[in-house]
Amino acid sequence: MNSFEFKAYVVTYEDDGEIVTIGFAENAKNPNNYLIIEYSYEYDDQERSLGLDKLYLELNDQSRSTYGGLQHVSLNPKKLVFSFDPDALGKLKIEGQLSIELMDSLSQDQLDKIREVLVKEGVKVV
């Protein structure tokens, strides 16, 4: 399987007390390549019944999104590698892994915050 790769010049982390949004993009204005990860602190009954009680992932467009399916992340200051289950791969419209090369290294604090969100959702992080 081929992996999908892009370079992220922009990394964002926002926590409004209800939702954590993490973004990786090739640029700040109209990026062709980006990944958004959203984690909600709480889910309601409707979200649970619809299967929306998992991490939300969006790759480059809302039509390439999924709830859940992220299995494993290799997390280091210069590169992130995401592995997904087959259903998520289909929804994201990729084959294999997603690799993001970070053009500015992440600080240990940034890595820890991202790791915390992923682990809370049961994603294996190394």
N, C-alpha and C. Protein backbone atom coordinates (compact mmCIF):
# COMPACT_ATOMS: atom_id res chain seq x y z
N MET A 1 0.83 -1.19 0.00
CA MET A 1 0.00 0.00 0.00
C MET A 1 0.87 1.25 0.00
N ASN A 2 0.42 2.23 -0.72
CA ASN A 2 1.12 3.51 -0.74
C ASN A 2 0.65 4.36 0.43
N SER A 3 1.58 5.10 0.99
CA SER A 3 1.19 6.02 2.05
C SER A 3 0.92 7.39 1.45
N PHE A 4 0.15 8.18 2.16
CA PHE A 4 -0.14 9.55 1.76
C PHE A 4 0.74 10.45 2.62
N GLU A 5 1.46 11.37 2.00
CA GLU A 5 2.42 12.20 2.73
C GLU A 5 2.25 13.67 2.36
N PHE A 6 2.49 14.54 3.34
CA PHE A 6 2.61 15.96 3.05
C PHE A 6 3.47 16.64 4.10
N LYS A 7 3.92 17.84 3.78
CA LYS A 7 4.73 18.65 4.68
C LYS A 7 3.84 19.68 5.35
N ALA A 8 3.94 19.77 6.68
CA ALA A 8 3.14 20.73 7.43
C ALA A 8 4.03 21.88 7.90
N TYR A 9 3.72 23.05 7.39
CA TYR A 9 4.40 24.27 7.83
C TYR A 9 3.62 24.93 8.96
N VAL A 10 2.37 24.53 9.13
CA VAL A 10 1.50 25.11 10.15
C VAL A 10 0.96 24.00 11.04
N VAL A 11 1.09 24.17 12.36
CA VAL A 11 0.53 23.25 13.35
C VAL A 11 -0.26 24.09 14.34
N THR A 12 -1.51 23.70 14.60
CA THR A 12 -2.33 24.42 15.56
C THR A 12 -2.87 23.47 16.61
N TYR A 13 -3.08 24.01 17.80
CA TYR A 13 -3.69 23.26 18.91
C TYR A 13 -4.60 24.24 19.64
N GLU A 14 -5.89 23.96 19.64
CA GLU A 14 -6.85 24.82 20.32
C GLU A 14 -7.70 23.98 21.26
N ASP A 15 -7.90 24.48 22.47
CA ASP A 15 -8.73 23.81 23.47
C ASP A 15 -9.69 24.85 24.04
N ASP A 16 -10.98 24.71 23.70
CA ASP A 16 -11.97 25.67 24.18
C ASP A 16 -12.71 25.18 25.42
N GLY A 17 -12.23 24.08 26.01
CA GLY A 17 -12.86 23.53 27.20
C GLY A 17 -13.91 22.47 26.88
N GLU A 18 -14.36 22.40 25.64
CA GLU A 18 -15.31 21.38 25.20
C GLU A 18 -14.72 20.49 24.12
N ILE A 19 -13.98 21.11 23.21
CA ILE A 19 -13.38 20.38 22.08
C ILE A 19 -11.92 20.81 21.93
N VAL A 20 -11.07 19.82 21.70
CA VAL A 20 -9.67 20.08 21.35
C VAL A 20 -9.55 19.88 19.84
N THR A 21 -9.01 20.89 19.16
CA THR A 21 -8.80 20.80 17.72
C THR A 21 -7.31 20.91 17.44
N ILE A 22 -6.79 19.90 16.75
CA ILE A 22 -5.38 19.87 16.37
C ILE A 22 -5.34 19.90 14.84
N GLY A 23 -4.53 20.79 14.29
CA GLY A 23 -4.45 20.90 12.85
C GLY A 23 -3.03 20.88 12.34
N PHE A 24 -2.85 20.25 11.20
CA PHE A 24 -1.57 20.22 10.49
C PHE A 24 -1.87 20.62 9.06
N ALA A 25 -1.15 21.62 8.53
CA ALA A 25 -1.44 22.09 7.17
C ALA A 25 -0.18 22.53 6.47
N GLU A 26 -0.24 22.46 5.13
CA GLU A 26 0.92 22.86 4.34
C GLU A 26 1.08 24.37 4.32
N ASN A 27 0.00 25.11 4.54
CA ASN A 27 0.07 26.57 4.67
C ASN A 27 -1.16 27.05 5.41
N ALA A 28 -1.15 28.32 5.81
CA ALA A 28 -2.24 28.86 6.62
C ALA A 28 -3.44 29.30 5.79
N LYS A 29 -3.25 29.58 4.52
CA LYS A 29 -4.33 30.07 3.66
C LYS A 29 -4.65 29.06 2.57
N ASN A 30 -5.83 28.51 2.61
CA ASN A 30 -6.31 27.58 1.59
C ASN A 30 -5.35 26.43 1.30
N PRO A 31 -4.99 25.65 2.30
CA PRO A 31 -4.08 24.52 2.04
C PRO A 31 -4.76 23.43 1.23
N ASN A 32 -4.01 22.83 0.33
CA ASN A 32 -4.50 21.65 -0.38
C ASN A 32 -4.41 20.42 0.50
N ASN A 33 -3.38 20.39 1.35
CA ASN A 33 -3.16 19.25 2.23
C ASN A 33 -3.24 19.70 3.67
N TYR A 34 -4.13 19.04 4.41
CA TYR A 34 -4.24 19.31 5.85
C TYR A 34 -4.87 18.12 6.55
N LEU A 35 -4.67 18.03 7.84
CA LEU A 35 -5.32 17.05 8.69
C LEU A 35 -5.85 17.80 9.90
N ILE A 36 -7.13 17.59 10.19
CA ILE A 36 -7.75 18.12 11.41
C ILE A 36 -8.14 16.93 12.28
N ILE A 37 -7.80 17.03 13.55
CA ILE A 37 -8.20 16.03 14.55
C ILE A 37 -9.01 16.77 15.60
N GLU A 38 -10.22 16.29 15.86
CA GLU A 38 -11.05 16.89 16.91
C GLU A 38 -11.40 15.86 17.96
N TYR A 39 -11.21 16.27 19.22
CA TYR A 39 -11.52 15.44 20.37
C TYR A 39 -12.52 16.20 21.23
N SER A 40 -13.61 15.56 21.58
CA SER A 40 -14.62 16.17 22.44
C SER A 40 -14.47 15.61 23.85
N TYR A 41 -14.53 16.50 24.85
CA TYR A 41 -14.43 16.06 26.24
C TYR A 41 -15.63 15.23 26.66
N GLU A 42 -16.79 15.51 26.07
CA GLU A 42 -18.01 14.77 26.41
C GLU A 42 -18.82 14.52 25.15
N TYR A 43 -19.53 13.39 25.17
CA TYR A 43 -20.41 13.05 24.07
C TYR A 43 -21.81 12.86 24.64
N ASP A 44 -22.82 13.26 23.88
CA ASP A 44 -24.18 13.06 24.35
C ASP A 44 -24.72 11.74 23.80
N ASP A 45 -25.94 11.39 24.22
CA ASP A 45 -26.54 10.11 23.83
C ASP A 45 -26.71 10.01 22.32
N GLN A 46 -27.10 11.11 21.67
CA GLN A 46 -27.30 11.07 20.23
C GLN A 46 -25.98 10.81 19.51
N GLU A 47 -24.90 11.47 19.94
CA GLU A 47 -23.59 11.24 19.32
C GLU A 47 -23.17 9.78 19.50
N ARG A 48 -23.39 9.25 20.70
CA ARG A 48 -23.04 7.84 20.94
C ARG A 48 -23.86 6.91 20.05
N SER A 49 -25.17 7.17 19.93
CA SER A 49 -26.02 6.28 19.14
C SER A 49 -25.68 6.33 17.65
N LEU A 50 -25.14 7.47 17.18
CA LEU A 50 -24.77 7.62 15.77
C LEU A 50 -23.31 7.25 15.48
N GLY A 51 -22.58 6.85 16.52
CA GLY A 51 -21.17 6.49 16.32
C GLY A 51 -20.26 7.69 16.18
N LEU A 52 -20.71 8.84 16.67
CA LEU A 52 -19.92 10.07 16.56
C LEU A 52 -19.16 10.36 17.85
N ASP A 53 -19.02 9.36 18.69
CA ASP A 53 -18.36 9.53 19.99
C ASP A 53 -16.90 9.09 19.95
N LYS A 54 -16.24 9.46 18.87
CA LYS A 54 -14.83 9.10 18.66
C LYS A 54 -14.11 10.31 18.08
N LEU A 55 -12.80 10.20 17.96
CA LEU A 55 -12.04 11.26 17.32
C LEU A 55 -12.59 11.53 15.93
N TYR A 56 -12.70 12.80 15.58
CA TYR A 56 -13.08 13.20 14.24
C TYR A 56 -11.79 13.53 13.49
N LEU A 57 -11.64 12.97 12.30
CA LEU A 57 -10.47 13.21 11.47
C LEU A 57 -10.93 13.67 10.09
N GLU A 58 -10.29 14.73 9.61
CA GLU A 58 -10.61 15.27 8.29
C GLU A 58 -9.32 15.49 7.53
N LEU A 59 -9.25 14.90 6.33
CA LEU A 59 -8.05 14.99 5.50
C LEU A 59 -8.38 15.74 4.21
N ASN A 60 -7.97 16.99 4.14
CA ASN A 60 -8.06 17.81 2.93
C ASN A 60 -9.45 18.27 2.52
N ASP A 61 -10.51 17.69 3.07
CA ASP A 61 -11.86 18.04 2.65
C ASP A 61 -12.85 17.32 3.57
N GLN A 62 -14.03 17.91 3.79
CA GLN A 62 -15.02 17.24 4.63
C GLN A 62 -15.49 15.91 4.05
N SER A 63 -15.39 15.76 2.74
CA SER A 63 -15.79 14.49 2.13
C SER A 63 -14.80 13.37 2.44
N ARG A 64 -13.65 13.73 2.99
CA ARG A 64 -12.63 12.75 3.37
C ARG A 64 -12.47 12.81 4.88
N SER A 65 -13.52 12.36 5.59
CA SER A 65 -13.51 12.44 7.04
C SER A 65 -14.05 11.15 7.64
N THR A 66 -13.73 10.95 8.92
CA THR A 66 -14.19 9.75 9.61
C THR A 66 -14.24 10.02 11.11
N TYR A 67 -15.08 9.29 11.78
CA TYR A 67 -15.10 9.27 13.25
C TYR A 67 -14.48 7.95 13.66
N GLY A 68 -13.37 8.03 14.38
CA GLY A 68 -12.68 6.83 14.81
C GLY A 68 -11.86 6.22 13.70
N GLY A 69 -11.32 5.05 13.99
CA GLY A 69 -10.54 4.32 12.99
C GLY A 69 -9.05 4.57 13.05
N LEU A 70 -8.64 5.52 13.88
CA LEU A 70 -7.20 5.77 14.04
C LEU A 70 -6.67 4.74 15.02
N GLN A 71 -5.75 3.90 14.57
CA GLN A 71 -5.26 2.80 15.39
C GLN A 71 -3.93 3.08 16.06
N HIS A 72 -3.04 3.75 15.37
CA HIS A 72 -1.66 3.87 15.85
C HIS A 72 -1.05 5.15 15.33
N VAL A 73 -0.26 5.83 16.17
CA VAL A 73 0.45 7.03 15.73
C VAL A 73 1.89 6.96 16.21
N SER A 74 2.81 7.14 15.29
CA SER A 74 4.22 7.31 15.63
C SER A 74 4.43 8.82 15.72
N LEU A 75 4.79 9.27 16.91
CA LEU A 75 4.82 10.70 17.21
C LEU A 75 6.23 11.11 17.58
N ASN A 76 6.83 11.98 16.78
CA ASN A 76 8.13 12.53 17.14
C ASN A 76 8.18 13.99 16.68
N PRO A 77 9.17 14.75 17.12
CA PRO A 77 9.18 16.19 16.86
C PRO A 77 9.19 16.60 15.38
N LYS A 78 9.64 15.74 14.48
CA LYS A 78 9.76 16.11 13.06
C LYS A 78 8.82 15.35 12.13
N LYS A 79 8.19 14.29 12.61
CA LYS A 79 7.34 13.50 11.72
C LYS A 79 6.29 12.75 12.52
N LEU A 80 5.08 12.73 11.96
CA LEU A 80 3.98 11.96 12.52
C LEU A 80 3.56 10.93 11.48
N VAL A 81 3.31 9.71 11.93
CA VAL A 81 2.83 8.66 11.02
C VAL A 81 1.58 8.05 11.64
N PHE A 82 0.48 8.13 10.89
CA PHE A 82 -0.83 7.66 11.36
C PHE A 82 -1.19 6.37 10.64
N SER A 83 -1.69 5.38 11.39
CA SER A 83 -2.18 4.12 10.82
C SER A 83 -3.66 3.99 11.15
N PHE A 84 -4.46 3.57 10.16
CA PHE A 84 -5.91 3.53 10.30
C PHE A 84 -6.44 2.13 10.03
N ASP A 85 -7.66 1.87 10.52
CA ASP A 85 -8.32 0.61 10.18
C ASP A 85 -8.86 0.72 8.74
N PRO A 86 -9.23 -0.40 8.13
CA PRO A 86 -9.66 -0.38 6.72
C PRO A 86 -10.85 0.55 6.46
N ASP A 87 -11.81 0.61 7.37
CA ASP A 87 -12.98 1.47 7.17
C ASP A 87 -12.56 2.94 7.10
N ALA A 88 -11.70 3.36 8.02
CA ALA A 88 -11.22 4.75 8.04
C ALA A 88 -10.40 5.06 6.78
N LEU A 89 -9.59 4.11 6.34
CA LEU A 89 -8.82 4.32 5.10
C LEU A 89 -9.75 4.62 3.94
N GLY A 90 -10.85 3.88 3.86
CA GLY A 90 -11.82 4.10 2.79
C GLY A 90 -12.47 5.47 2.88
N LYS A 91 -12.84 5.88 4.08
CA LYS A 91 -13.50 7.18 4.26
C LYS A 91 -12.53 8.33 4.01
N LEU A 92 -11.27 8.14 4.38
CA LEU A 92 -10.26 9.18 4.14
C LEU A 92 -9.74 9.16 2.70
N LYS A 93 -10.10 8.09 1.99
CA LYS A 93 -9.72 7.92 0.58
C LYS A 93 -8.20 7.86 0.39
N ILE A 94 -7.56 7.08 1.26
CA ILE A 94 -6.12 6.83 1.14
C ILE A 94 -5.86 5.34 1.27
N GLU A 95 -4.68 4.95 0.87
CA GLU A 95 -4.20 3.59 1.07
C GLU A 95 -2.98 3.68 1.96
N GLY A 96 -2.88 2.82 2.92
CA GLY A 96 -1.70 2.80 3.77
C GLY A 96 -1.70 3.89 4.82
N GLN A 97 -0.53 4.29 5.22
CA GLN A 97 -0.37 5.24 6.31
C GLN A 97 -0.42 6.69 5.81
N LEU A 98 -0.66 7.59 6.75
CA LEU A 98 -0.58 9.02 6.50
C LEU A 98 0.66 9.52 7.23
N SER A 99 1.58 10.13 6.50
CA SER A 99 2.81 10.67 7.09
C SER A 99 2.82 12.18 6.92
N ILE A 100 3.11 12.87 8.02
CA ILE A 100 3.20 14.32 7.98
C ILE A 100 4.59 14.72 8.45
N GLU A 101 5.34 15.33 7.55
CA GLU A 101 6.67 15.84 7.90
C GLU A 101 6.47 17.26 8.44
N LEU A 102 6.95 17.49 9.65
CA LEU A 102 6.79 18.78 10.30
C LEU A 102 7.98 19.67 9.99
N MET A 103 7.71 20.80 9.38
CA MET A 103 8.79 21.69 8.96
C MET A 103 9.38 22.47 10.14
N ASP A 104 8.60 22.66 11.18
CA ASP A 104 9.10 23.19 12.46
C ASP A 104 8.89 22.11 13.49
N SER A 105 9.93 21.75 14.22
CA SER A 105 9.83 20.69 15.21
C SER A 105 8.81 21.04 16.29
N LEU A 106 8.09 20.03 16.75
CA LEU A 106 7.17 20.22 17.86
C LEU A 106 7.95 20.23 19.17
N SER A 107 7.51 21.06 20.09
CA SER A 107 8.12 21.08 21.43
C SER A 107 7.63 19.86 22.21
N GLN A 108 8.30 19.55 23.29
CA GLN A 108 7.87 18.43 24.13
C GLN A 108 6.47 18.67 24.67
N ASP A 109 6.16 19.92 25.01
CA ASP A 109 4.82 20.26 25.50
C ASP A 109 3.77 19.98 24.43
N GLN A 110 4.04 20.37 23.19
CA GLN A 110 3.10 20.10 22.09
C GLN A 110 2.93 18.59 21.87
N LEU A 111 4.02 17.86 21.88
CA LEU A 111 3.95 16.41 21.73
C LEU A 111 3.13 15.78 22.84
N ASP A 112 3.34 16.24 24.07
CA ASP A 112 2.61 15.70 25.21
C ASP A 112 1.11 15.97 25.10
N LYS A 113 0.74 17.17 24.66
CA LYS A 113 -0.68 17.51 24.51
C LYS A 113 -1.34 16.64 23.44
N ILE A 114 -0.67 16.46 22.32
CA ILE A 114 -1.21 15.62 21.25
C ILE A 114 -1.31 14.18 21.73
N ARG A 115 -0.27 13.69 22.38
CA ARG A 115 -0.27 12.32 22.90
C ARG A 115 -1.43 12.11 23.87
N GLU A 116 -1.67 13.08 24.75
CA GLU A 116 -2.74 12.96 25.74
C GLU A 116 -4.10 12.79 25.06
N VAL A 117 -4.39 13.58 24.04
CA VAL A 117 -5.66 13.47 23.33
C VAL A 117 -5.79 12.10 22.68
N LEU A 118 -4.76 11.66 22.01
CA LEU A 118 -4.82 10.38 21.32
C LEU A 118 -4.99 9.21 22.28
N VAL A 119 -4.26 9.23 23.38
CA VAL A 119 -4.35 8.14 24.36
C VAL A 119 -5.74 8.10 25.00
N LYS A 120 -6.33 9.27 25.28
CA LYS A 120 -7.68 9.31 25.85
C LYS A 120 -8.68 8.61 24.96
N GLU A 121 -8.43 8.61 23.65
CA GLU A 121 -9.33 7.97 22.70
C GLU A 121 -8.90 6.53 22.37
N GLY A 122 -7.93 6.02 23.10
CA GLY A 122 -7.53 4.62 22.93
C GLY A 122 -6.60 4.35 21.78
N VAL A 123 -5.98 5.40 21.25
CA VAL A 123 -5.03 5.24 20.14
C VAL A 123 -3.67 4.87 20.71
N LYS A 124 -3.04 3.87 20.11
CA LYS A 124 -1.70 3.48 20.52
C LYS A 124 -0.71 4.52 19.99
N VAL A 125 0.11 5.09 20.89
CA VAL A 125 1.06 6.12 20.51
C VAL A 125 2.46 5.68 20.90
N VAL A 126 3.38 5.78 19.94
CA VAL A 126 4.79 5.48 20.23
C VAL A 126 5.65 6.64 19.81
